[in-house]
Protein backbone atom coordinates (compact mmCIF):
# COMPACT_ATOMS: atom_id res chain seq x y z
CA UNK A 1 156.04 152.45 131.80
CA UNK A 2 154.12 153.61 134.87
CA UNK A 3 155.26 152.43 138.30
CA UNK A 4 152.60 151.83 140.92
CA UNK A 5 153.86 152.97 144.28
CA UNK A 6 152.43 151.65 147.51
CA UNK A 7 151.67 154.60 149.75
CA UNK A 8 152.04 153.84 153.45
CA UNK A 9 150.09 155.64 156.15
CA UNK A 10 152.13 155.43 159.31
CA UNK A 11 149.77 154.33 162.06
CA UNK A 12 152.47 153.21 164.46
CA UNK A 13 155.63 151.23 164.23
CA UNK A 14 154.01 147.80 164.27
CA UNK A 15 151.52 148.57 161.50
CA UNK A 16 154.21 150.13 159.33
CA UNK A 17 156.34 147.02 159.64
CA UNK A 18 153.35 144.82 158.80
CA UNK A 19 152.50 146.80 155.68
CA UNK A 20 156.12 146.88 154.57
CA UNK A 21 156.35 143.10 154.91
CA UNK A 22 153.14 142.61 152.92
CA UNK A 23 154.33 144.92 150.15
CA UNK A 24 157.60 143.04 149.76
CA UNK A 25 155.87 139.68 149.65
CA UNK A 26 153.16 140.55 147.13
CA UNK A 27 154.37 141.07 143.55
CA UNK A 28 150.89 140.98 142.01
CA UNK A 29 150.01 144.56 142.89
CA UNK A 30 152.21 146.15 140.25
CA UNK A 31 155.83 146.74 139.34
CA UNK A 32 158.01 147.64 142.28
CA UNK A 33 160.10 150.78 142.28
CA UNK A 34 163.36 148.83 142.07
CA UNK A 35 162.22 146.73 139.09
CA UNK A 36 164.74 148.53 136.92
CA UNK A 37 165.85 145.52 134.91
CA UNK A 38 163.27 145.97 132.15
CA UNK A 39 164.80 147.69 129.11
CA UNK A 40 163.48 151.14 128.26
CA UNK A 41 161.26 150.95 125.21
CA UNK A 42 161.39 153.40 122.35
CA UNK A 43 158.34 154.63 120.43
CA UNK A 44 158.28 151.51 118.27
CA UNK A 45 158.23 149.22 121.30
CA UNK A 46 161.76 148.01 120.62
CA UNK A 47 164.32 147.77 123.43
CA UNK A 48 167.16 150.26 123.34
CA UNK A 49 170.29 148.83 121.83
CA UNK A 50 168.52 147.79 118.62
CA UNK A 51 167.58 144.38 119.97
CA UNK A 52 165.52 142.60 117.27
CA UNK A 53 161.80 142.56 117.90
CA UNK A 54 160.23 139.24 118.72
CA UNK A 55 157.69 137.82 116.25
CA UNK A 56 154.91 138.18 118.82
CA UNK A 57 155.63 141.86 119.50
CA UNK A 58 152.22 142.78 118.10
CA UNK A 59 153.51 144.24 114.82
CA UNK A 60 151.73 143.51 111.55
CA UNK A 61 153.51 141.24 109.06
CA UNK A 62 156.13 142.88 106.88
CA UNK A 63 154.92 143.83 103.41
CA UNK A 64 156.68 145.33 100.38
CA UNK A 65 154.39 148.35 100.02
CA UNK A 66 154.57 151.92 101.31
CA UNK A 67 153.52 152.21 104.95
CA UNK A 68 153.16 155.96 105.51
CA UNK A 69 152.54 159.18 103.65
CA UNK A 70 155.08 161.71 104.85
CA UNK A 71 153.96 164.62 102.68
CA UNK A 72 151.26 165.34 100.12
CA UNK A 73 151.10 168.66 98.28
CA UNK A 74 148.36 168.46 95.63
CA UNK A 75 148.54 170.73 92.63
CA UNK A 76 145.75 172.33 90.63
CA UNK A 77 143.12 169.89 89.32
CA UNK A 78 143.77 167.37 92.11
CA UNK A 79 141.09 165.95 94.37
CA UNK A 80 140.28 162.50 93.06
CA UNK A 81 141.03 159.83 95.65
CA UNK A 82 141.41 162.21 98.57
CA UNK A 83 138.29 160.76 100.21
CA UNK A 84 140.25 157.49 100.60
CA UNK A 85 143.55 159.10 101.50
CA UNK A 86 146.04 157.91 102.69
CA UNK A 87 145.00 154.26 102.35
CA UNK A 88 144.44 154.65 98.62
CA UNK A 89 148.23 154.85 98.01
CA UNK A 90 149.30 152.36 100.70
CA UNK A 91 149.22 148.61 100.16
CA UNK A 92 149.23 146.70 96.87
CA UNK A 93 148.24 148.04 93.43
CA UNK A 94 144.82 147.43 91.95
CA UNK A 95 145.78 146.93 88.33
CA UNK A 96 143.08 146.15 85.77
CA UNK A 97 145.27 145.07 82.87
CA UNK A 98 146.41 146.86 79.73
CA UNK A 99 142.99 148.03 78.57
CA UNK A 100 141.71 149.66 81.76
CA UNK A 101 143.01 152.16 84.26
CA UNK A 102 142.29 151.56 87.94
CA UNK A 103 140.21 154.08 89.87
CA UNK A 104 141.90 153.09 93.12
CA UNK A 105 144.31 156.02 92.76
CA UNK A 106 145.18 159.47 94.08
CA UNK A 107 145.47 162.30 91.54
CA UNK A 108 148.40 164.60 92.28
CA UNK A 109 147.28 167.50 90.09
CA UNK A 110 149.58 169.77 88.08
CA UNK A 111 153.01 169.67 89.70
CA UNK A 112 151.63 167.88 92.76
CA UNK A 113 154.00 166.00 95.03
CA UNK A 114 153.78 163.04 97.39
CA UNK A 115 156.40 161.43 99.64
CA UNK A 116 156.01 157.89 100.97
CA UNK A 117 157.93 155.97 103.61
CA UNK A 118 158.72 152.28 104.07
CA UNK A 119 158.86 151.35 107.76
CA UNK A 120 159.33 147.57 107.66
CA UNK A 121 161.15 146.80 104.40
CA UNK A 122 163.58 149.16 102.68
CA UNK A 123 164.50 149.16 98.99
CA UNK A 124 168.06 148.00 98.33
CA UNK A 125 170.19 147.92 95.22
CA UNK A 126 170.02 144.37 93.91
CA UNK A 127 169.88 142.69 90.52
CA UNK A 128 167.83 144.68 88.00
CA UNK A 129 164.71 146.59 89.06
CA UNK A 130 164.60 147.44 92.78
CA UNK A 131 161.37 149.47 92.99
CA UNK A 132 158.08 149.50 91.09
CA UNK A 133 155.76 152.50 90.83
CA UNK A 134 152.18 151.91 89.71
CA UNK A 135 149.94 154.49 88.05
CA UNK A 136 146.82 153.75 85.97
CA UNK A 137 148.07 153.97 82.41
CA UNK A 138 146.11 152.08 79.76
CA UNK A 139 146.24 151.34 76.05
CA UNK A 140 144.20 153.67 73.87
CA UNK A 141 141.41 151.77 72.10
CA UNK A 142 142.13 150.96 68.48
CA UNK A 143 145.88 151.43 68.63
CA UNK A 144 149.13 150.69 70.38
CA UNK A 145 149.46 154.10 72.04
CA UNK A 146 149.29 154.32 75.83
CA UNK A 147 147.38 156.94 77.78
CA UNK A 148 150.07 157.98 80.23
CA UNK A 149 150.53 160.72 82.79
CA UNK A 150 154.14 161.00 83.80
CA UNK A 151 155.67 161.38 87.22
CA UNK A 152 159.25 162.10 88.26
CA UNK A 153 160.55 159.69 90.89
CA UNK A 154 163.16 160.39 93.58
CA UNK A 155 164.40 158.20 96.43
CA UNK A 156 166.06 158.85 99.77
CA UNK A 157 167.30 156.83 102.71
CA UNK A 158 166.91 159.58 105.32
CA UNK A 159 164.10 161.73 103.91
CA UNK A 160 166.49 164.69 103.62
CA UNK A 161 168.90 163.96 100.77
CA UNK A 162 167.08 162.97 97.60
CA UNK A 163 168.24 161.27 94.40
CA UNK A 164 166.15 161.92 91.30
CA UNK A 165 165.82 159.47 88.43
CA UNK A 166 166.26 161.12 85.01
CA UNK A 167 162.84 161.35 83.36
CA UNK A 168 162.29 162.40 79.75
CA UNK A 169 158.83 163.90 80.27
CA UNK A 170 158.45 165.07 76.65
CA UNK A 171 159.92 162.09 74.77
CA UNK A 172 156.69 160.46 73.67
CA UNK A 173 158.34 158.71 70.73
CA UNK A 174 160.89 157.11 73.02
CA UNK A 175 158.25 156.07 75.57
CA UNK A 176 159.15 158.66 78.21
CA UNK A 177 162.23 156.79 79.50
CA UNK A 178 162.91 157.04 83.22
CA UNK A 179 159.42 158.27 84.08
CA UNK A 180 156.67 156.68 86.13
CA UNK A 181 153.11 156.50 84.83
CA UNK A 182 154.02 154.95 81.48
CA UNK A 183 153.43 151.21 81.78
CA UNK A 184 150.07 149.54 82.35
CA UNK A 185 149.45 147.63 85.58
CA UNK A 186 148.55 143.95 85.80
CA UNK A 187 149.17 143.18 89.50
CA UNK A 188 146.12 143.00 91.71
CA UNK A 189 145.44 140.90 94.84
CA UNK A 190 142.28 139.65 93.14
CA UNK A 191 144.09 138.05 90.21
CA UNK A 192 147.11 136.69 92.06
CA UNK A 193 149.67 138.48 89.90
CA UNK A 194 152.65 139.42 92.05
CA UNK A 195 153.27 143.13 92.52
CA UNK A 196 156.95 142.50 93.23
CA UNK A 197 157.82 140.60 90.05
CA UNK A 198 158.76 143.10 87.33
CA UNK A 199 158.26 140.43 84.67
CA UNK A 200 154.51 140.26 85.24
CA UNK A 201 153.42 143.08 87.59
CA UNK A 202 153.43 145.96 85.16
CA UNK A 203 154.18 149.43 86.44
CA UNK A 204 157.44 151.28 85.97
CA UNK A 205 160.70 149.91 87.35
CA UNK A 206 163.57 151.80 88.96
CA UNK A 207 167.10 150.61 89.74
CA UNK A 208 168.86 152.33 92.66
CA UNK A 209 172.16 151.89 90.83
CA UNK A 210 170.93 154.52 88.36
CA UNK A 211 171.21 157.20 91.05
CA UNK A 212 174.07 155.63 93.00
CA UNK A 213 172.10 154.78 96.14
CA UNK A 214 172.42 151.48 98.01
CA UNK A 215 169.26 151.73 100.15
CA UNK A 216 166.08 153.81 100.16
CA UNK A 217 163.32 154.17 102.73
CA UNK A 218 161.51 157.08 101.08
CA UNK A 219 160.00 157.58 97.64
CA UNK A 220 158.92 160.93 96.19
CA UNK A 221 156.77 161.31 93.08
CA UNK A 222 156.17 164.68 91.44
CA UNK A 223 153.71 165.22 88.62
CA UNK A 224 155.64 166.15 85.48
CA UNK A 225 153.59 169.29 84.88
CA UNK A 226 152.87 168.56 81.20
CA UNK A 227 150.11 165.95 81.56
CA UNK A 228 146.39 166.30 80.92
CA UNK A 229 144.57 168.49 83.44
CA UNK A 230 140.94 169.13 84.14
CA UNK A 231 138.31 168.51 86.78
CA UNK A 232 139.68 166.84 89.91
CA UNK A 233 141.63 163.99 88.30
CA UNK A 234 144.44 165.88 86.65
CA UNK A 235 148.01 164.75 86.40
CA UNK A 236 149.80 161.67 87.71
CA UNK A 237 147.48 159.18 89.40
CA UNK A 238 149.31 157.13 92.04
CA UNK A 239 148.09 153.62 92.76
CA UNK A 240 150.96 152.09 94.77
CA UNK A 241 154.70 151.53 95.12
CA UNK A 242 156.35 148.16 95.78
CA UNK A 243 159.77 146.94 96.88
CA UNK A 244 161.32 144.37 94.54
CA UNK A 245 164.73 144.06 96.20
CA UNK A 246 164.49 144.79 99.89
CA UNK A 247 165.85 144.30 103.39
CA UNK A 248 163.99 144.13 106.69
CA UNK A 249 164.08 147.23 108.86
CA UNK A 250 163.12 145.21 111.94
CA UNK A 251 166.59 143.78 112.41
CA UNK A 252 167.74 146.79 114.42
CA UNK A 253 169.72 148.40 111.60
CA UNK A 254 169.07 152.18 111.58
């Protein structure tokens, strides 16, 4: 916060007194130097002491999707979606149902890695699935097989210590249990299907209890390294991530 100081030019005792009186009586010219009662604001505009932010603090509404990309390290054969990065992986999924894979995705490439952060709602361990990860898997025409490109998911609450979900990247017969990129995606803002309801959204669900974590603010996805590669759309194609069980991060809790 900048403080506007009134600079006095001393033109004699009488004029100095006059100017001093005027400065004290006029509080429309700026914040006075002794206006030290305003709390110091941190980078997020929140008063020190973790005072909850007011609804009119100018922040966008809370949403259950990733808010920031912390790190992106594409592997070989990546490139698709980078012209829309990072927005392409933030916000809701753009599922097209079981028979079609969305093109609103970011290809990680062979062994590529991405880390995402939730800034307004964190994932918490609740009943059943806590987190959904959406790729663009689709059913192969003429059969029940799914075209999938697997990703290994990890979560963290501080962005330093990570907890990885077991992912059977080669168990095609068993449906690649524990991996992302296996299930088709139905949720899309255009069709009204909720992206936070595991019963209808599609995508692959993850329960924090599996890795023994009670809360997560970060999600990491790494391409499994044994997917199909070629051109600029190789490997795991990330559409979105969504919080199913969550808690607000605007309550002042670190």
